[in-house]
Amino acid sequence: MNRLMGLQSFLEILGSIINGFAVPLKQEHKHFLLKVLIPLHKPRQMTLYHAQLAYCIVQFVEKDSTLTEPIILGILKYWPKTNSPKEVMLLGEIEEILDIIEPSQFSKVIKPLFKMLARSVSSPQFQVAERALYYWNNEYIMSLIEEHNQEILPIMFPALYKISKEHWNQTIVALVYNVLKTFMEMNSQLFDDLTLSYKAERQKERRKEVQRLEAWSKISKRASDQSPYVTTIIEKQGNG
């Protein structure tokens, strides 16, 4: 714990030093960013020094926009699966980066970035889903999304549509409806196409499930003359 508190102080000082770096950045400074600072997003205890770390990261983006892609991909590499407070923090850091991202750099990270956002808005944790959906309240990010809506909407649509029908929290459902409305206004034709495609895919999945259950029912029936043990195993597999 003491080492982590020391790291907090170190990063605070480092932020001021990075702020004074001349441009173009030296190669050793870029190496330090990618090999030392980015991996600091991995520890679960990152919450103790995250504010100072995020400040350092944003300073590098401001100094050299070409570092945006490796920075975002590096953060996504350490994205948590079961640590909601950490995920909320990283969502905040990513938004800080997007606030100053160059449009040319944004286009390079669309696919991995919005795949992550689709997972985050689908989170059963209210705070995570809410923080991800707040991206759509950011005017600059919205302008980038609108410019690339044909690429972003197909990535986000399945998660958003499912949430609008199934999520337990009505606040999240309301936020999702607003996002869907925004996408519909951006590109109504694509929105309608994706809606029809999504519904068709769900119907196809339901038909497959019905066919699977019917097949197991027939197998179970044929096996009814065999030992009770075999019948029980088949029924368990059918219900699984």
C-alpha atoms as a PDB file:
ATOM      1  CA  MET A   1       0.000   0.000   0.000  1.00  0.00           C
ATOM      2  CA  ASN A   2       2.841   2.403   0.883  1.00  0.00           C
ATOM      3  CA  ARG A   3       4.456   1.731  -2.497  1.00  0.00           C
ATOM      4  CA  LEU A   4       1.206   2.601  -4.246  1.00  0.00           C
ATOM      5  CA  MET A   5       0.861   5.825  -2.270  1.00  0.00           C
ATOM      6  CA  GLY A   6       4.433   6.646  -3.282  1.00  0.00           C
ATOM      7  CA  LEU A   7       3.484   5.971  -6.887  1.00  0.00           C
ATOM      8  CA  GLN A   8       0.674   8.489  -6.546  1.00  0.00           C
ATOM      9  CA  SER A   9       3.150  11.197  -5.523  1.00  0.00           C
ATOM     10  CA  PHE A  10       5.579  10.167  -8.272  1.00  0.00           C
ATOM     11  CA  LEU A  11       2.901  10.392 -10.972  1.00  0.00           C
ATOM     12  CA  GLU A  12       1.799  13.778  -9.702  1.00  0.00           C
ATOM     13  CA  ILE A  13       5.329  15.114 -10.145  1.00  0.00           C
ATOM     14  CA  LEU A  14       5.701  13.274 -13.445  1.00  0.00           C
ATOM     15  CA  GLY A  15       2.586  14.979 -14.811  1.00  0.00           C
ATOM     16  CA  SER A  16       4.228  18.363 -14.380  1.00  0.00           C
ATOM     17  CA  ILE A  17       7.405  17.108 -16.047  1.00  0.00           C
ATOM     18  CA  ILE A  18       5.497  15.691 -19.043  1.00  0.00           C
ATOM     19  CA  ASN A  19       3.654  18.979 -19.357  1.00  0.00           C
ATOM     20  CA  GLY A  20       7.040  20.618 -19.942  1.00  0.00           C
ATOM     21  CA  PHE A  21       8.239  18.152 -22.595  1.00  0.00           C
ATOM     22  CA  ALA A  22       9.261  19.782 -25.853  1.00  0.00           C
ATOM     23  CA  VAL A  23       7.714  18.561 -29.098  1.00  0.00           C
ATOM     24  CA  PRO A  24       8.359  16.490 -31.048  1.00  0.00           C
ATOM     25  CA  LEU A  25       8.650  14.026 -28.184  1.00  0.00           C
ATOM     26  CA  LYS A  26      11.844  12.065 -27.803  1.00  0.00           C
ATOM     27  CA  GLN A  27      11.694   8.351 -28.540  1.00  0.00           C
ATOM     28  CA  GLU A  28      12.606   7.459 -24.954  1.00  0.00           C
ATOM     29  CA  HIS A  29       9.622   9.445 -23.703  1.00  0.00           C
ATOM     30  CA  LYS A  30       7.277   7.483 -25.978  1.00  0.00           C
ATOM     31  CA  HIS A  31       8.904   4.237 -24.853  1.00  0.00           C
ATOM     32  CA  PHE A  32       8.347   5.207 -21.201  1.00  0.00           C
ATOM     33  CA  LEU A  33       4.689   5.892 -21.933  1.00  0.00           C
ATOM     34  CA  LEU A  34       4.037   2.565 -23.639  1.00  0.00           C
ATOM     35  CA  LYS A  35       6.198   0.323 -21.465  1.00  0.00           C
ATOM     36  CA  VAL A  36       5.766   1.912 -18.024  1.00  0.00           C
ATOM     37  CA  LEU A  37       2.680   4.138 -17.817  1.00  0.00           C
ATOM     38  CA  ILE A  38       0.208   2.092 -19.861  1.00  0.00           C
ATOM     39  CA  PRO A  39       0.872  -1.137 -17.862  1.00  0.00           C
ATOM     40  CA  LEU A  40       0.030   0.791 -14.673  1.00  0.00           C
ATOM     41  CA  HIS A  41      -3.608   0.367 -15.739  1.00  0.00           C
ATOM     42  CA  LYS A  42      -3.394  -3.341 -14.867  1.00  0.00           C
ATOM     43  CA  PRO A  43      -3.332  -3.461 -11.008  1.00  0.00           C
ATOM     44  CA  ARG A  44      -6.650  -3.753  -9.210  1.00  0.00           C
ATOM     45  CA  GLN A  45      -5.411  -1.072  -6.789  1.00  0.00           C
ATOM     46  CA  MET A  46      -5.118   1.423  -9.662  1.00  0.00           C
ATOM     47  CA  THR A  47      -7.856   3.465  -7.965  1.00  0.00           C
ATOM     48  CA  LEU A  48      -5.221   4.812  -5.553  1.00  0.00           C
ATOM     49  CA  TYR A  49      -3.296   6.627  -8.288  1.00  0.00           C
ATOM     50  CA  HIS A  50      -5.609   6.687 -11.301  1.00  0.00           C
ATOM     51  CA  ALA A  51      -6.285  10.442 -11.329  1.00  0.00           C
ATOM     52  CA  GLN A  52      -2.558  11.196 -11.535  1.00  0.00           C
ATOM     53  CA  LEU A  53      -1.978   8.460 -14.129  1.00  0.00           C
ATOM     54  CA  ALA A  54      -4.833   9.699 -16.338  1.00  0.00           C
ATOM     55  CA  TYR A  55      -3.405  13.220 -16.230  1.00  0.00           C
ATOM     56  CA  CYS A  56      -0.040  11.921 -17.473  1.00  0.00           C
ATOM     57  CA  ILE A  57      -1.727   9.963 -20.273  1.00  0.00           C
ATOM     58  CA  VAL A  58      -3.755  12.953 -21.465  1.00  0.00           C
ATOM     59  CA  GLN A  59      -0.592  15.082 -21.477  1.00  0.00           C
ATOM     60  CA  PHE A  60       1.011  12.647 -23.922  1.00  0.00           C
ATOM     61  CA  VAL A  61      -2.041  12.754 -26.213  1.00  0.00           C
ATOM     62  CA  GLU A  62      -1.890  16.555 -26.237  1.00  0.00           C
ATOM     63  CA  LYS A  63       1.825  16.473 -27.075  1.00  0.00           C
ATOM     64  CA  ASP A  64       1.579  13.894 -29.866  1.00  0.00           C
ATOM     65  CA  SER A  65      -1.784  12.894 -31.375  1.00  0.00           C
ATOM     66  CA  THR A  66      -0.242   9.861 -33.118  1.00  0.00           C
ATOM     67  CA  LEU A  67       0.103   8.246 -29.681  1.00  0.00           C
ATOM     68  CA  THR A  68      -3.697   8.157 -29.298  1.00  0.00           C
ATOM     69  CA  GLU A  69      -4.185   4.781 -30.979  1.00  0.00           C
ATOM     70  CA  PRO A  70      -1.537   2.847 -28.996  1.00  0.00           C
ATOM     71  CA  ILE A  71      -2.710   4.520 -25.787  1.00  0.00           C
ATOM     72  CA  ILE A  72      -6.373   3.558 -26.247  1.00  0.00           C
ATOM     73  CA  LEU A  73      -5.510   0.035 -27.394  1.00  0.00           C
ATOM     74  CA  GLY A  74      -3.161  -0.281 -24.427  1.00  0.00           C
ATOM     75  CA  ILE A  75      -5.872   0.740 -21.954  1.00  0.00           C
ATOM     76  CA  LEU A  76      -8.372  -1.626 -23.572  1.00  0.00           C
ATOM     77  CA  LYS A  77      -5.846  -4.438 -23.126  1.00  0.00           C
ATOM     78  CA  TYR A  78      -6.174  -4.050 -19.349  1.00  0.00           C
ATOM     79  CA  TRP A  79      -9.958  -3.595 -19.315  1.00  0.00           C
ATOM     80  CA  PRO A  80     -11.436  -5.242 -16.188  1.00  0.00           C
ATOM     81  CA  LYS A  81     -14.002  -8.032 -16.363  1.00  0.00           C
ATOM     82  CA  THR A  82     -15.232  -8.063 -12.756  1.00  0.00           C
ATOM     83  CA  ASN A  83     -14.086  -4.759 -11.243  1.00  0.00           C
ATOM     84  CA  SER A  84     -16.859  -2.212 -11.711  1.00  0.00           C
ATOM     85  CA  PRO A  85     -15.219   0.765  -9.913  1.00  0.00           C
ATOM     86  CA  LYS A  86     -12.112   0.335 -12.065  1.00  0.00           C
ATOM     87  CA  GLU A  87     -14.205   0.085 -15.235  1.00  0.00           C
ATOM     88  CA  VAL A  88     -15.995   3.323 -14.368  1.00  0.00           C
ATOM     89  CA  MET A  89     -12.623   5.038 -13.889  1.00  0.00           C
ATOM     90  CA  LEU A  90     -11.284   3.787 -17.214  1.00  0.00           C
ATOM     91  CA  LEU A  91     -14.450   4.923 -18.984  1.00  0.00           C
ATOM     92  CA  GLY A  92     -13.785   8.373 -17.563  1.00  0.00           C
ATOM     93  CA  GLU A  93     -10.169   8.313 -18.721  1.00  0.00           C
ATOM     94  CA  ILE A  94     -11.129   7.207 -22.229  1.00  0.00           C
ATOM     95  CA  GLU A  95     -13.637  10.063 -22.422  1.00  0.00           C
ATOM     96  CA  GLU A  96     -10.902  12.535 -21.415  1.00  0.00           C
ATOM     97  CA  ILE A  97      -8.814  11.231 -24.312  1.00  0.00           C
ATOM     98  CA  LEU A  98     -11.751  11.425 -26.730  1.00  0.00           C
ATOM     99  CA  ASP A  99     -12.319  15.038 -25.678  1.00  0.00           C
ATOM    100  CA  ILE A 100      -9.035  15.975 -27.381  1.00  0.00           C
ATOM    101  CA  ILE A 101      -8.690  13.227 -29.989  1.00  0.00           C
ATOM    102  CA  GLU A 102      -7.973  14.197 -33.579  1.00  0.00           C
ATOM    103  CA  PRO A 103     -10.685  13.014 -36.003  1.00  0.00           C
ATOM    104  CA  SER A 104      -8.048  11.146 -38.029  1.00  0.00           C
ATOM    105  CA  GLN A 105      -7.031   9.219 -34.912  1.00  0.00           C
ATOM    106  CA  PHE A 106     -10.622   8.504 -33.883  1.00  0.00           C
ATOM    107  CA  SER A 107     -11.249   6.561 -37.080  1.00  0.00           C
ATOM    108  CA  LYS A 108      -8.382   4.201 -36.195  1.00  0.00           C
ATOM    109  CA  VAL A 109      -9.882   3.055 -32.885  1.00  0.00           C
ATOM    110  CA  ILE A 110     -13.602   2.879 -33.713  1.00  0.00           C
ATOM    111  CA  LYS A 111     -13.930  -0.904 -33.860  1.00  0.00           C
ATOM    112  CA  PRO A 112     -12.171  -1.893 -30.601  1.00  0.00           C
ATOM    113  CA  LEU A 113     -13.432   1.191 -28.754  1.00  0.00           C
ATOM    114  CA  PHE A 114     -17.114   0.708 -29.542  1.00  0.00           C
ATOM    115  CA  LYS A 115     -16.970  -3.047 -29.014  1.00  0.00           C
ATOM    116  CA  MET A 116     -15.827  -2.187 -25.498  1.00  0.00           C
ATOM    117  CA  LEU A 117     -18.586   0.413 -25.115  1.00  0.00           C
ATOM    118  CA  ALA A 118     -21.189  -2.115 -26.277  1.00  0.00           C
ATOM    119  CA  ARG A 119     -20.045  -4.462 -23.488  1.00  0.00           C
ATOM    120  CA  SER A 120     -20.023  -1.639 -20.930  1.00  0.00           C
ATOM    121  CA  VAL A 121     -23.532  -0.393 -21.713  1.00  0.00           C
ATOM    122  CA  SER A 122     -24.667  -4.025 -21.395  1.00  0.00           C
ATOM    123  CA  SER A 123     -23.171  -4.340 -17.922  1.00  0.00           C
ATOM    124  CA  PRO A 124     -25.602  -5.446 -15.190  1.00  0.00           C
ATOM    125  CA  GLN A 125     -23.790  -2.945 -12.955  1.00  0.00           C
ATOM    126  CA  PHE A 126     -25.801   0.272 -13.075  1.00  0.00           C
ATOM    127  CA  GLN A 127     -22.802   2.589 -12.591  1.00  0.00           C
ATOM    128  CA  VAL A 128     -20.846   1.044 -15.469  1.00  0.00           C
ATOM    129  CA  ALA A 129     -23.727   1.140 -17.946  1.00  0.00           C
ATOM    130  CA  GLU A 130     -24.652   4.687 -16.950  1.00  0.00           C
ATOM    131  CA  ARG A 131     -21.062   5.954 -17.284  1.00  0.00           C
ATOM    132  CA  ALA A 132     -20.724   4.437 -20.750  1.00  0.00           C
ATOM    133  CA  LEU A 133     -24.039   5.912 -21.920  1.00  0.00           C
ATOM    134  CA  TYR A 134     -22.939   9.374 -20.762  1.00  0.00           C
ATOM    135  CA  TYR A 135     -20.579   9.422 -23.748  1.00  0.00           C
ATOM    136  CA  TRP A 136     -23.637  10.346 -25.808  1.00  0.00           C
ATOM    137  CA  ASN A 137     -23.988  13.561 -23.749  1.00  0.00           C
ATOM    138  CA  ASN A 138     -20.575  14.768 -24.930  1.00  0.00           C
ATOM    139  CA  GLU A 139     -21.014  17.135 -27.878  1.00  0.00           C
ATOM    140  CA  TYR A 140     -17.565  16.558 -29.397  1.00  0.00           C
ATOM    141  CA  ILE A 141     -17.820  12.773 -29.123  1.00  0.00           C
ATOM    142  CA  MET A 142     -21.303  12.966 -30.630  1.00  0.00           C
ATOM    143  CA  SER A 143     -19.933  14.877 -33.617  1.00  0.00           C
ATOM    144  CA  LEU A 144     -17.364  12.115 -34.181  1.00  0.00           C
ATOM    145  CA  ILE A 145     -20.027   9.405 -33.793  1.00  0.00           C
ATOM    146  CA  GLU A 146     -22.297  11.152 -36.283  1.00  0.00           C
ATOM    147  CA  GLU A 147     -19.482  11.382 -38.824  1.00  0.00           C
ATOM    148  CA  HIS A 148     -18.840   7.642 -38.521  1.00  0.00           C
ATOM    149  CA  ASN A 149     -22.372   6.438 -37.739  1.00  0.00           C
ATOM    150  CA  GLN A 150     -22.381   3.848 -40.547  1.00  0.00           C
ATOM    151  CA  GLU A 151     -19.501   2.042 -38.833  1.00  0.00           C
ATOM    152  CA  ILE A 152     -20.515   2.623 -35.212  1.00  0.00           C
ATOM    153  CA  LEU A 153     -24.252   1.920 -35.327  1.00  0.00           C
ATOM    154  CA  PRO A 154     -23.920  -1.745 -36.441  1.00  0.00           C
ATOM    155  CA  ILE A 155     -21.494  -2.340 -33.558  1.00  0.00           C
ATOM    156  CA  MET A 156     -23.694  -0.730 -30.898  1.00  0.00           C
ATOM    157  CA  PHE A 157     -27.192  -1.589 -32.132  1.00  0.00           C
ATOM    158  CA  PRO A 158     -27.581  -5.214 -30.893  1.00  0.00           C
ATOM    159  CA  ALA A 159     -26.551  -4.294 -27.346  1.00  0.00           C
ATOM    160  CA  LEU A 160     -28.707  -1.157 -27.243  1.00  0.00           C
ATOM    161  CA  TYR A 161     -31.790  -2.854 -28.647  1.00  0.00           C
ATOM    162  CA  LYS A 162     -31.492  -5.776 -26.224  1.00  0.00           C
ATOM    163  CA  ILE A 163     -31.056  -3.434 -23.253  1.00  0.00           C
ATOM    164  CA  SER A 164     -34.113  -1.410 -24.287  1.00  0.00           C
ATOM    165  CA  LYS A 165     -36.201  -4.586 -23.966  1.00  0.00           C
ATOM    166  CA  GLU A 166     -34.557  -6.447 -21.093  1.00  0.00           C
ATOM    167  CA  HIS A 167     -32.530  -4.259 -18.694  1.00  0.00           C
ATOM    168  CA  TRP A 168     -33.690  -4.272 -15.076  1.00  0.00           C
ATOM    169  CA  ASN A 169     -32.993  -0.581 -14.430  1.00  0.00           C
ATOM    170  CA  GLN A 170     -35.454   1.946 -15.890  1.00  0.00           C
ATOM    171  CA  THR A 171     -32.916   4.784 -15.757  1.00  0.00           C
ATOM    172  CA  ILE A 172     -30.605   2.809 -18.036  1.00  0.00           C
ATOM    173  CA  VAL A 173     -33.516   1.942 -20.334  1.00  0.00           C
ATOM    174  CA  ALA A 174     -34.384   5.651 -20.615  1.00  0.00           C
ATOM    175  CA  LEU A 175     -30.781   6.553 -21.460  1.00  0.00           C
ATOM    176  CA  VAL A 176     -30.650   3.783 -24.056  1.00  0.00           C
ATOM    177  CA  TYR A 177     -33.866   5.000 -25.671  1.00  0.00           C
ATOM    178  CA  ASN A 178     -32.279   8.436 -26.023  1.00  0.00           C
ATOM    179  CA  VAL A 179     -29.201   6.913 -27.677  1.00  0.00           C
ATOM    180  CA  LEU A 180     -31.342   4.848 -30.051  1.00  0.00           C
ATOM    181  CA  LYS A 181     -33.385   7.952 -30.901  1.00  0.00           C
ATOM    182  CA  THR A 182     -30.172   9.832 -31.674  1.00  0.00           C
ATOM    183  CA  PHE A 183     -28.930   7.061 -33.946  1.00  0.00           C
ATOM    184  CA  MET A 184     -32.306   6.911 -35.707  1.00  0.00           C
ATOM    185  CA  GLU A 185     -32.119  10.648 -36.393  1.00  0.00           C
ATOM    186  CA  MET A 186     -28.558  10.296 -37.711  1.00  0.00           C
ATOM    187  CA  ASN A 187     -29.311   7.517 -40.182  1.00  0.00           C
ATOM    188  CA  SER A 188     -32.923   6.338 -40.302  1.00  0.00           C
ATOM    189  CA  GLN A 189     -32.384   3.936 -43.210  1.00  0.00           C
ATOM    190  CA  LEU A 190     -29.513   2.099 -41.535  1.00  0.00           C
ATOM    191  CA  PHE A 191     -31.425   2.083 -38.249  1.00  0.00           C
ATOM    192  CA  ASP A 192     -34.462   0.461 -39.908  1.00  0.00           C
ATOM    193  CA  ASP A 193     -32.277  -2.089 -41.702  1.00  0.00           C
ATOM    194  CA  LEU A 194     -30.538  -3.067 -38.469  1.00  0.00           C
ATOM    195  CA  THR A 195     -33.868  -3.334 -36.638  1.00  0.00           C
ATOM    196  CA  LEU A 196     -35.262  -5.737 -39.234  1.00  0.00           C
ATOM    197  CA  SER A 197     -32.029  -7.730 -39.302  1.00  0.00           C
ATOM    198  CA  TYR A 198     -31.910  -7.983 -35.494  1.00  0.00           C
ATOM    199  CA  LYS A 199     -35.521  -9.170 -35.241  1.00  0.00           C
ATOM    200  CA  ALA A 200     -34.987 -11.721 -38.011  1.00  0.00           C
ATOM    201  CA  GLU A 201     -31.898 -13.076 -36.264  1.00  0.00           C
ATOM    202  CA  ARG A 202     -33.753 -13.400 -32.946  1.00  0.00           C
ATOM    203  CA  GLN A 203     -36.612 -15.263 -34.655  1.00  0.00           C
ATOM    204  CA  LYS A 204     -34.080 -17.590 -36.262  1.00  0.00           C
ATOM    205  CA  GLU A 205     -32.534 -18.294 -32.851  1.00  0.00           C
ATOM    206  CA  ARG A 206     -35.936 -18.992 -31.312  1.00  0.00           C
ATOM    207  CA  ARG A 207     -36.783 -21.453 -34.107  1.00  0.00           C
ATOM    208  CA  LYS A 208     -33.479 -23.249 -33.542  1.00  0.00           C
ATOM    209  CA  GLU A 209     -34.218 -23.511 -29.826  1.00  0.00           C
ATOM    210  CA  VAL A 210     -37.669 -24.961 -30.505  1.00  0.00           C
ATOM    211  CA  GLN A 211     -36.164 -27.482 -32.948  1.00  0.00           C
ATOM    212  CA  ARG A 212     -33.516 -28.448 -30.382  1.00  0.00           C
ATOM    213  CA  LEU A 213     -36.115 -29.051 -27.685  1.00  0.00           C
ATOM    214  CA  GLU A 214     -38.293 -31.051 -30.055  1.00  0.00           C
ATOM    215  CA  ALA A 215     -35.310 -33.192 -31.079  1.00  0.00           C
ATOM    216  CA  TRP A 216     -34.442 -33.946 -27.449  1.00  0.00           C
ATOM    217  CA  SER A 217     -38.067 -34.754 -26.738  1.00  0.00           C
ATOM    218  CA  LYS A 218     -38.066 -37.343 -29.521  1.00  0.00           C
ATOM    219  CA  ILE A 219     -34.794 -38.842 -28.317  1.00  0.00           C
ATOM    220  CA  SER A 220     -36.119 -39.002 -24.765  1.00  0.00           C
ATOM    221  CA  LYS A 221     -39.271 -40.702 -25.955  1.00  0.00           C
ATOM    222  CA  ARG A 222     -37.317 -43.332 -27.926  1.00  0.00           C
ATOM    223  CA  ALA A 223     -35.123 -43.929 -24.920  1.00  0.00           C
ATOM    224  CA  SER A 224     -38.055 -44.430 -22.562  1.00  0.00           C
ATOM    225  CA  ASP A 225     -37.851 -48.205 -22.997  1.00  0.00           C
ATOM    226  CA  GLN A 226     -34.206 -48.198 -21.926  1.00  0.00           C
ATOM    227  CA  SER A 227     -32.859 -47.987 -18.400  1.00  0.00           C
ATOM    228  CA  PRO A 228     -34.061 -45.094 -16.206  1.00  0.00           C
ATOM    229  CA  TYR A 229     -30.417 -43.993 -15.874  1.00  0.00           C
ATOM    230  CA  VAL A 230     -30.022 -43.408 -19.630  1.00  0.00           C
ATOM    231  CA  THR A 231     -33.357 -41.576 -19.788  1.00  0.00           C
ATOM    232  CA  THR A 232     -32.332 -39.297 -16.914  1.00  0.00           C
ATOM    233  CA  ILE A 233     -29.022 -38.409 -18.601  1.00  0.00           C
ATOM    234  CA  ILE A 234     -30.777 -37.561 -21.873  1.00  0.00           C
ATOM    235  CA  GLU A 235     -33.351 -35.389 -20.118  1.00  0.00           C
ATOM    236  CA  LYS A 236     -30.601 -33.483 -18.283  1.00  0.00           C
ATOM    237  CA  GLN A 237     -28.771 -32.831 -21.560  1.00  0.00           C
ATOM    238  CA  GLY A 238     -31.992 -31.692 -23.181  1.00  0.00           C
ATOM    239  CA  ASN A 239     -32.631 -29.202 -20.384  1.00  0.00           C
ATOM    240  CA  GLY A 240     -29.035 -27.987 -20.377  1.00  0.00           C
END
